[in-house]
Amino acid sequence: MILVLGGTAEARDLAARLVAEGRSVVSSLAGRVARPRLPVGEVRVGGFGGVDGLGRWLVEHEVAAVVDATHPFARVISANAVAACAARGVPLLRLERPGWAALPGADAWTWVDDVAGAARAAAGIGARPFLTIGRQGLDECVEPLRAAAVLARVVDPPEIEVPAAWRVLLDRGPYTLEGERALLTEHGADVLVTKDSGGPLTQAKLDAARELGLPVVVVRRPSAHHPGDLAPDVPTALAWVARRVG
């Protein structure tokens, strides 16, 4: 069996292709999204119980290989996968899409190390930020941007009480250039705040911001050491599975 640690478009694509090849696949989702897009094949939802719990699961289910295709900012499960796979001798691949640093205009963005830094930077740039950092980081934005006319786009309702000046938009990608341009214009956004998630599903906001001449604040990906194999895309991951599993 192949375990795919998922929650991303790449994970869903990989699971579908592996199932089409006739392989036994289980996709694991963290369960943080109320209505996740489910991949093809068997799915489990929820945590494993840390490194030890994941290690036991690998043995109990006779996992032949693990593909960590979680979000670039989901570092806890990635670290757990590294430790559990090393302890149990299970091959591990990290499937992580490239970030947006190579996009046109990226050298002019304000790059910061965390969400709190992004909020402070945005507060010094504009008064009508468009936040696209996910709901889990919103609490770090409240104080720096309490008085700002924030438009915060999230998939699920925030778990915090947002300031009265804020507007919350429930939506999920993929997004189009036309739609993002219209949204930024309608809101009167004067700064875009996002994470370096990478991928085409949510890139349109950056393209729209460039067209409109808006400043962009980007949270860098957290540094991580992956001692195992790395893949930037699904075809590379499929080739790895063929080599390691047969």
C-alpha atoms as a PDB file:
ATOM      1  CA  MET A   1       0.000   0.000   0.000  1.00  0.00           C
ATOM      2  CA  ILE A   2       1.048   3.584  -0.666  1.00  0.00           C
ATOM      3  CA  LEU A   3       0.157   6.271   1.860  1.00  0.00           C
ATOM      4  CA  VAL A   4      -0.366   9.749   0.424  1.00  0.00           C
ATOM      5  CA  LEU A   5      -0.365  12.538   2.977  1.00  0.00           C
ATOM      6  CA  GLY A   6      -2.667  14.894   1.143  1.00  0.00           C
ATOM      7  CA  GLY A   7      -4.876  17.933   1.146  1.00  0.00           C
ATOM      8  CA  THR A   8      -3.403  19.534  -1.985  1.00  0.00           C
ATOM      9  CA  ALA A   9      -4.293  19.447  -5.668  1.00  0.00           C
ATOM     10  CA  GLU A  10      -1.077  17.545  -6.321  1.00  0.00           C
ATOM     11  CA  ALA A  11      -2.042  14.912  -3.771  1.00  0.00           C
ATOM     12  CA  ARG A  12      -5.440  14.413  -5.395  1.00  0.00           C
ATOM     13  CA  ASP A  13      -3.885  14.161  -8.846  1.00  0.00           C
ATOM     14  CA  LEU A  14      -1.299  11.681  -7.614  1.00  0.00           C
ATOM     15  CA  ALA A  15      -3.884   9.500  -5.865  1.00  0.00           C
ATOM     16  CA  ALA A  16      -6.055   9.403  -8.989  1.00  0.00           C
ATOM     17  CA  ARG A  17      -3.129   8.360 -11.173  1.00  0.00           C
ATOM     18  CA  LEU A  18      -1.936   5.722  -8.724  1.00  0.00           C
ATOM     19  CA  VAL A  19      -5.417   4.231  -8.479  1.00  0.00           C
ATOM     20  CA  ALA A  20      -5.649   4.244 -12.281  1.00  0.00           C
ATOM     21  CA  GLU A  21      -2.432   2.204 -12.310  1.00  0.00           C
ATOM     22  CA  GLY A  22      -4.130  -0.363 -10.099  1.00  0.00           C
ATOM     23  CA  ARG A  23      -2.163   0.434  -6.953  1.00  0.00           C
ATOM     24  CA  SER A  24      -3.496   0.272  -3.397  1.00  0.00           C
ATOM     25  CA  VAL A  25      -3.601   3.841  -2.108  1.00  0.00           C
ATOM     26  CA  VAL A  26      -4.789   5.524   1.069  1.00  0.00           C
ATOM     27  CA  SER A  27      -4.958   9.316   1.167  1.00  0.00           C
ATOM     28  CA  SER A  28      -4.757  10.915   4.604  1.00  0.00           C
ATOM     29  CA  LEU A  29      -6.341  14.322   5.243  1.00  0.00           C
ATOM     30  CA  ALA A  30      -5.781  16.419   8.353  1.00  0.00           C
ATOM     31  CA  GLY A  31      -9.480  17.225   8.716  1.00  0.00           C
ATOM     32  CA  ARG A  32      -9.055  20.965   9.162  1.00  0.00           C
ATOM     33  CA  VAL A  33     -11.352  21.850   6.256  1.00  0.00           C
ATOM     34  CA  ALA A  34     -15.063  21.250   6.782  1.00  0.00           C
ATOM     35  CA  ARG A  35     -15.791  20.156   3.207  1.00  0.00           C
ATOM     36  CA  PRO A  36     -12.499  18.980   1.696  1.00  0.00           C
ATOM     37  CA  ARG A  37     -12.129  17.942  -1.907  1.00  0.00           C
ATOM     38  CA  LEU A  38     -11.821  14.193  -1.607  1.00  0.00           C
ATOM     39  CA  PRO A  39      -9.310  12.277  -3.701  1.00  0.00           C
ATOM     40  CA  VAL A  40      -9.977   9.099  -5.624  1.00  0.00           C
ATOM     41  CA  GLY A  41      -9.525   5.906  -3.621  1.00  0.00           C
ATOM     42  CA  GLU A  42      -9.574   5.174   0.092  1.00  0.00           C
ATOM     43  CA  VAL A  43      -9.452   8.176   2.417  1.00  0.00           C
ATOM     44  CA  ARG A  44      -8.747   8.565   6.122  1.00  0.00           C
ATOM     45  CA  VAL A  45      -9.272  11.812   8.030  1.00  0.00           C
ATOM     46  CA  GLY A  46      -7.526  12.986  11.179  1.00  0.00           C
ATOM     47  CA  GLY A  47      -4.146  12.835  12.854  1.00  0.00           C
ATOM     48  CA  PHE A  48      -2.061   9.754  13.535  1.00  0.00           C
ATOM     49  CA  GLY A  49      -1.001  10.598  17.067  1.00  0.00           C
ATOM     50  CA  GLY A  50       2.450  11.984  16.422  1.00  0.00           C
ATOM     51  CA  VAL A  51       5.542  10.180  15.203  1.00  0.00           C
ATOM     52  CA  ASP A  52       4.883   6.993  17.163  1.00  0.00           C
ATOM     53  CA  GLY A  53       1.273   6.794  16.038  1.00  0.00           C
ATOM     54  CA  LEU A  54       2.228   7.263  12.407  1.00  0.00           C
ATOM     55  CA  GLY A  55       4.967   4.676  12.739  1.00  0.00           C
ATOM     56  CA  ARG A  56       2.527   2.116  14.133  1.00  0.00           C
ATOM     57  CA  TRP A  57       0.069   2.874  11.325  1.00  0.00           C
ATOM     58  CA  LEU A  58       2.743   2.266   8.709  1.00  0.00           C
ATOM     59  CA  VAL A  59       3.522  -1.148  10.157  1.00  0.00           C
ATOM     60  CA  GLU A  60      -0.075  -2.198  10.824  1.00  0.00           C
ATOM     61  CA  HIS A  61      -1.129  -1.347   7.261  1.00  0.00           C
ATOM     62  CA  GLU A  62       2.023  -2.711   5.619  1.00  0.00           C
ATOM     63  CA  VAL A  63       2.795   0.577   3.897  1.00  0.00           C
ATOM     64  CA  ALA A  64       5.375   0.160   1.142  1.00  0.00           C
ATOM     65  CA  ALA A  65       6.021   3.870   0.600  1.00  0.00           C
ATOM     66  CA  VAL A  66       4.821   7.281   1.777  1.00  0.00           C
ATOM     67  CA  VAL A  67       4.366  10.368  -0.377  1.00  0.00           C
ATOM     68  CA  ASP A  68       4.124  13.555   1.658  1.00  0.00           C
ATOM     69  CA  ALA A  69       2.106  15.848  -0.604  1.00  0.00           C
ATOM     70  CA  THR A  70       0.817  18.134   2.139  1.00  0.00           C
ATOM     71  CA  HIS A  71       0.695  21.921   1.907  1.00  0.00           C
ATOM     72  CA  PRO A  72       4.097  23.657   1.852  1.00  0.00           C
ATOM     73  CA  PHE A  73       3.279  25.243   5.229  1.00  0.00           C
ATOM     74  CA  ALA A  74       2.153  21.994   6.922  1.00  0.00           C
ATOM     75  CA  ARG A  75       5.507  21.372   8.541  1.00  0.00           C
ATOM     76  CA  VAL A  76       4.420  19.320  11.591  1.00  0.00           C
ATOM     77  CA  ILE A  77       3.072  16.350   9.652  1.00  0.00           C
ATOM     78  CA  SER A  78       6.038  16.566   7.271  1.00  0.00           C
ATOM     79  CA  ALA A  79       8.486  16.376  10.178  1.00  0.00           C
ATOM     80  CA  ASN A  80       6.518  13.489  11.675  1.00  0.00           C
ATOM     81  CA  ALA A  81       6.624  11.645   8.355  1.00  0.00           C
ATOM     82  CA  VAL A  82      10.409  12.028   8.143  1.00  0.00           C
ATOM     83  CA  ALA A  83      10.891  10.644  11.655  1.00  0.00           C
ATOM     84  CA  ALA A  84       8.348   7.816  11.377  1.00  0.00           C
ATOM     85  CA  CYS A  85       9.538   6.618   7.985  1.00  0.00           C
ATOM     86  CA  ALA A  86      13.164   6.682   9.084  1.00  0.00           C
ATOM     87  CA  ALA A  87      12.359   4.669  12.202  1.00  0.00           C
ATOM     88  CA  ARG A  88      10.375   2.055  10.280  1.00  0.00           C
ATOM     89  CA  GLY A  89      12.516   1.913   7.167  1.00  0.00           C
ATOM     90  CA  VAL A  90       9.716   3.061   4.853  1.00  0.00           C
ATOM     91  CA  PRO A  91      10.692   5.001   1.690  1.00  0.00           C
ATOM     92  CA  LEU A  92       9.512   8.621   1.816  1.00  0.00           C
ATOM     93  CA  LEU A  93       9.045  11.156  -0.945  1.00  0.00           C
ATOM     94  CA  ARG A  94       8.292  14.829  -0.422  1.00  0.00           C
ATOM     95  CA  LEU A  95       6.102  16.124  -3.267  1.00  0.00           C
ATOM     96  CA  GLU A  96       6.178  19.918  -3.047  1.00  0.00           C
ATOM     97  CA  ARG A  97       5.275  22.323  -5.815  1.00  0.00           C
ATOM     98  CA  PRO A  98       7.680  25.198  -6.484  1.00  0.00           C
ATOM     99  CA  GLY A  99       6.951  28.539  -4.882  1.00  0.00           C
ATOM    100  CA  TRP A 100       6.217  31.825  -6.613  1.00  0.00           C
ATOM    101  CA  ALA A 101       9.625  33.448  -6.273  1.00  0.00           C
ATOM    102  CA  ALA A 102      10.272  33.114 -10.013  1.00  0.00           C
ATOM    103  CA  LEU A 103       7.108  34.965 -11.059  1.00  0.00           C
ATOM    104  CA  PRO A 104       7.464  38.340 -12.778  1.00  0.00           C
ATOM    105  CA  GLY A 105       7.720  41.093 -10.186  1.00  0.00           C
ATOM    106  CA  ALA A 106       8.481  38.775  -7.266  1.00  0.00           C
ATOM    107  CA  ASP A 107      11.726  40.589  -6.557  1.00  0.00           C
ATOM    108  CA  ALA A 108       9.692  43.692  -5.701  1.00  0.00           C
ATOM    109  CA  TRP A 109       7.459  41.928  -3.185  1.00  0.00           C
ATOM    110  CA  THR A 110       7.923  42.385   0.544  1.00  0.00           C
ATOM    111  CA  TRP A 111       9.074  38.992   1.826  1.00  0.00           C
ATOM    112  CA  VAL A 112       8.595  38.200   5.526  1.00  0.00           C
ATOM    113  CA  ASP A 113       9.182  35.178   7.741  1.00  0.00           C
ATOM    114  CA  ASP A 114       5.768  34.759   9.348  1.00  0.00           C
ATOM    115  CA  VAL A 115       2.146  35.880   9.338  1.00  0.00           C
ATOM    116  CA  ALA A 116       2.626  38.365  12.169  1.00  0.00           C
ATOM    117  CA  GLY A 117       5.396  40.023  10.167  1.00  0.00           C
ATOM    118  CA  ALA A 118       3.149  40.088   7.111  1.00  0.00           C
ATOM    119  CA  ALA A 119       0.415  41.858   9.058  1.00  0.00           C
ATOM    120  CA  ARG A 120       2.820  44.480  10.371  1.00  0.00           C
ATOM    121  CA  ALA A 121       4.239  45.035   6.908  1.00  0.00           C
ATOM    122  CA  ALA A 122       0.784  45.389   5.381  1.00  0.00           C
ATOM    123  CA  ALA A 123      -0.220  47.895   8.062  1.00  0.00           C
ATOM    124  CA  GLY A 124       2.709  50.053   7.026  1.00  0.00           C
ATOM    125  CA  ILE A 125       1.833  49.876   3.343  1.00  0.00           C
ATOM    126  CA  GLY A 126      -1.919  50.305   3.009  1.00  0.00           C
ATOM    127  CA  ALA A 127      -5.289  50.651   4.702  1.00  0.00           C
ATOM    128  CA  ARG A 128      -7.326  48.136   2.669  1.00  0.00           C
ATOM    129  CA  PRO A 129      -5.426  44.830   2.688  1.00  0.00           C
ATOM    130  CA  PHE A 130      -6.604  41.691   0.932  1.00  0.00           C
ATOM    131  CA  LEU A 131      -5.605  38.766   3.168  1.00  0.00           C
ATOM    132  CA  THR A 132      -5.245  35.321   1.592  1.00  0.00           C
ATOM    133  CA  ILE A 133      -3.283  33.507   4.298  1.00  0.00           C
ATOM    134  CA  GLY A 134      -5.896  31.017   5.502  1.00  0.00           C
ATOM    135  CA  ARG A 135      -7.985  31.208   8.638  1.00  0.00           C
ATOM    136  CA  GLN A 136      -5.413  29.722  11.015  1.00  0.00           C
ATOM    137  CA  GLY A 137      -3.192  32.782  10.802  1.00  0.00           C
ATOM    138  CA  LEU A 138      -5.902  35.415  11.133  1.00  0.00           C
ATOM    139  CA  ASP A 139      -5.451  35.787  14.887  1.00  0.00           C
ATOM    140  CA  GLU A 140      -1.925  37.106  14.301  1.00  0.00           C
ATOM    141  CA  CYS A 141      -3.304  39.806  12.011  1.00  0.00           C
ATOM    142  CA  VAL A 142      -5.945  41.223  14.327  1.00  0.00           C
ATOM    143  CA  GLU A 143      -3.916  43.705  16.355  1.00  0.00           C
ATOM    144  CA  PRO A 144      -1.725  45.106  13.553  1.00  0.00           C
ATOM    145  CA  LEU A 145      -4.736  45.427  11.233  1.00  0.00           C
ATOM    146  CA  ARG A 146      -7.620  45.963  13.655  1.00  0.00           C
ATOM    147  CA  ALA A 147      -8.565  49.369  12.225  1.00  0.00           C
ATOM    148  CA  ALA A 148      -7.887  48.482   8.601  1.00  0.00           C
ATOM    149  CA  ALA A 149     -10.614  47.713   6.058  1.00  0.00           C
ATOM    150  CA  VAL A 150      -9.468  44.108   5.633  1.00  0.00           C
ATOM    151  CA  LEU A 151     -10.927  41.683   3.130  1.00  0.00           C
ATOM    152  CA  ALA A 152     -10.012  38.207   4.399  1.00  0.00           C
ATOM    153  CA  ARG A 153     -10.704  35.291   2.089  1.00  0.00           C
ATOM    154  CA  VAL A 154     -10.917  31.868   3.736  1.00  0.00           C
ATOM    155  CA  VAL A 155     -12.394  28.475   2.901  1.00  0.00           C
ATOM    156  CA  ASP A 156     -14.170  27.990   6.243  1.00  0.00           C
ATOM    157  CA  PRO A 157     -15.476  30.573   8.745  1.00  0.00           C
ATOM    158  CA  PRO A 158     -12.780  31.973  11.049  1.00  0.00           C
ATOM    159  CA  GLU A 159     -12.529  30.509  14.536  1.00  0.00           C
ATOM    160  CA  ILE A 160     -11.894  33.960  15.994  1.00  0.00           C
ATOM    161  CA  GLU A 161     -14.004  37.076  16.298  1.00  0.00           C
ATOM    162  CA  VAL A 162     -12.781  39.377  13.552  1.00  0.00           C
ATOM    163  CA  PRO A 163     -12.718  43.182  13.972  1.00  0.00           C
ATOM    164  CA  ALA A 164     -15.786  45.142  12.946  1.00  0.00           C
ATOM    165  CA  ALA A 165     -13.897  46.837  10.116  1.00  0.00           C
ATOM    166  CA  TRP A 166     -13.098  43.511   8.480  1.00  0.00           C
ATOM    167  CA  ARG A 167     -15.040  41.676   5.791  1.00  0.00           C
ATOM    168  CA  VAL A 168     -14.750  37.890   5.541  1.00  0.00           C
ATOM    169  CA  LEU A 169     -15.241  36.201   2.177  1.00  0.00           C
ATOM    170  CA  LEU A 170     -15.842  32.430   2.158  1.00  0.00           C
ATOM    171  CA  ASP A 171     -14.504  31.003  -1.086  1.00  0.00           C
ATOM    172  CA  ARG A 172     -12.008  28.521  -2.475  1.00  0.00           C
ATOM    173  CA  GLY A 173      -9.969  28.238  -5.674  1.00  0.00           C
ATOM    174  CA  PRO A 174      -9.207  27.801  -8.397  1.00  0.00           C
ATOM    175  CA  TYR A 175      -9.475  31.489  -9.244  1.00  0.00           C
ATOM    176  CA  THR A 176      -9.336  33.344 -12.555  1.00  0.00           C
ATOM    177  CA  LEU A 177      -7.387  36.442 -13.441  1.00  0.00           C
ATOM    178  CA  GLU A 178     -10.600  38.265 -14.353  1.00  0.00           C
ATOM    179  CA  GLY A 179     -12.265  37.343 -11.079  1.00  0.00           C
ATOM    180  CA  GLU A 180      -9.282  38.322  -8.945  1.00  0.00           C
ATOM    181  CA  ARG A 181      -8.875  41.617 -10.770  1.00  0.00           C
ATOM    182  CA  ALA A 182     -12.550  42.408 -10.204  1.00  0.00           C
ATOM    183  CA  LEU A 183     -12.369  41.462  -6.527  1.00  0.00           C
ATOM    184  CA  LEU A 184      -9.297  43.590  -5.857  1.00  0.00           C
ATOM    185  CA  THR A 185     -10.863  46.523  -7.674  1.00  0.00           C
ATOM    186  CA  GLU A 186     -14.232  46.182  -5.948  1.00  0.00           C
ATOM    187  CA  HIS A 187     -12.587  46.108  -2.532  1.00  0.00           C
ATOM    188  CA  GLY A 188     -10.259  48.963  -3.384  1.00  0.00           C
ATOM    189  CA  ALA A 189      -7.368  46.849  -2.151  1.00  0.00           C
ATOM    190  CA  ASP A 190      -4.078  48.662  -1.721  1.00  0.00           C
ATOM    191  CA  VAL A 191      -1.947  45.672  -0.652  1.00  0.00           C
ATOM    192  CA  LEU A 192      -2.150  41.905  -1.173  1.00  0.00           C
ATOM    193  CA  VAL A 193      -1.012  39.593   1.631  1.00  0.00           C
ATOM    194  CA  THR A 194      -0.395  35.925   0.941  1.00  0.00           C
ATOM    195  CA  LYS A 195       1.823  32.925   1.623  1.00  0.00           C
ATOM    196  CA  ASP A 196       4.304  31.450  -0.826  1.00  0.00           C
ATOM    197  CA  SER A 197       2.036  28.467  -1.434  1.00  0.00           C
ATOM    198  CA  GLY A 198       2.914  28.123  -5.093  1.00  0.00           C
ATOM    199  CA  GLY A 199       0.872  26.408  -7.767  1.00  0.00           C
ATOM    200  CA  PRO A 200      -1.545  27.628 -10.425  1.00  0.00           C
ATOM    201  CA  LEU A 201      -4.818  27.320  -8.467  1.00  0.00           C
ATOM    202  CA  THR A 202      -4.305  30.579  -6.553  1.00  0.00           C
ATOM    203  CA  GLN A 203      -1.666  32.354  -8.629  1.00  0.00           C
ATOM    204  CA  ALA A 204      -4.216  34.597 -10.348  1.00  0.00           C
ATOM    205  CA  LYS A 205      -4.326  36.999  -7.392  1.00  0.00           C
ATOM    206  CA  LEU A 206      -0.630  37.728  -7.896  1.00  0.00           C
ATOM    207  CA  ASP A 207      -1.081  38.250 -11.617  1.00  0.00           C
ATOM    208  CA  ALA A 208      -3.997  40.605 -10.936  1.00  0.00           C
ATOM    209  CA  ALA A 209      -2.011  42.532  -8.326  1.00  0.00           C
ATOM    210  CA  ARG A 210       0.828  42.977 -10.816  1.00  0.00           C
ATOM    211  CA  GLU A 211      -1.559  44.263 -13.474  1.00  0.00           C
ATOM    212  CA  LEU A 212      -3.097  46.718 -11.005  1.00  0.00           C
ATOM    213  CA  GLY A 213       0.273  47.833  -9.653  1.00  0.00           C
ATOM    214  CA  LEU A 214      -0.510  46.722  -6.097  1.00  0.00           C
ATOM    215  CA  PRO A 215       2.222  45.986  -3.557  1.00  0.00           C
ATOM    216  CA  VAL A 216       2.419  42.380  -2.348  1.00  0.00           C
ATOM    217  CA  VAL A 217       3.500  40.975   1.010  1.00  0.00           C
ATOM    218  CA  VAL A 218       4.497  37.304   0.965  1.00  0.00           C
ATOM    219  CA  VAL A 219       5.210  34.935   3.838  1.00  0.00           C
ATOM    220  CA  ARG A 220       8.220  32.767   3.038  1.00  0.00           C
ATOM    221  CA  ARG A 221       7.928  29.028   3.354  1.00  0.00           C
ATOM    222  CA  PRO A 222       9.275  27.775   6.671  1.00  0.00           C
ATOM    223  CA  SER A 223      12.706  26.266   6.338  1.00  0.00           C
ATOM    224  CA  ALA A 224      12.760  22.495   6.476  1.00  0.00           C
ATOM    225  CA  HIS A 225      15.268  19.756   5.912  1.00  0.00           C
ATOM    226  CA  HIS A 226      14.027  16.811   3.868  1.00  0.00           C
ATOM    227  CA  PRO A 227      16.614  14.025   4.087  1.00  0.00           C
ATOM    228  CA  GLY A 228      14.598  11.865   1.704  1.00  0.00           C
ATOM    229  CA  ASP A 229      13.743  12.195  -1.958  1.00  0.00           C
ATOM    230  CA  LEU A 230      12.077  15.295  -3.393  1.00  0.00           C
ATOM    231  CA  ALA A 231       9.702  15.774  -6.330  1.00  0.00           C
ATOM    232  CA  PRO A 232       8.432  19.083  -7.772  1.00  0.00           C
ATOM    233  CA  ASP A 233       5.482  17.575  -9.635  1.00  0.00           C
ATOM    234  CA  VAL A 234       3.199  14.559  -9.967  1.00  0.00           C
ATOM    235  CA  PRO A 235       4.929  12.875 -12.951  1.00  0.00           C
ATOM    236  CA  THR A 236       8.187  12.858 -11.009  1.00  0.00           C
ATOM    237  CA  ALA A 237       6.391  11.385  -8.010  1.00  0.00           C
ATOM    238  CA  LEU A 238       4.842   8.642 -10.151  1.00  0.00           C
ATOM    239  CA  ALA A 239       8.253   7.725 -11.517  1.00  0.00           C
ATOM    240  CA  TRP A 240       9.609   7.553  -7.973  1.00  0.00           C
ATOM    241  CA  VAL A 241       6.827   5.188  -6.894  1.00  0.00           C
ATOM    242  CA  ALA A 242       7.546   2.959  -9.872  1.00  0.00           C
ATOM    243  CA  ARG A 243      11.221   2.780  -8.886  1.00  0.00           C
ATOM    244  CA  ARG A 244      10.779   2.299  -5.152  1.00  0.00           C
ATOM    245  CA  VAL A 245       7.668   0.107  -5.076  1.00  0.00           C
ATOM    246  CA  GLY A 246       7.833  -1.578  -8.464  1.00  0.00           C
END
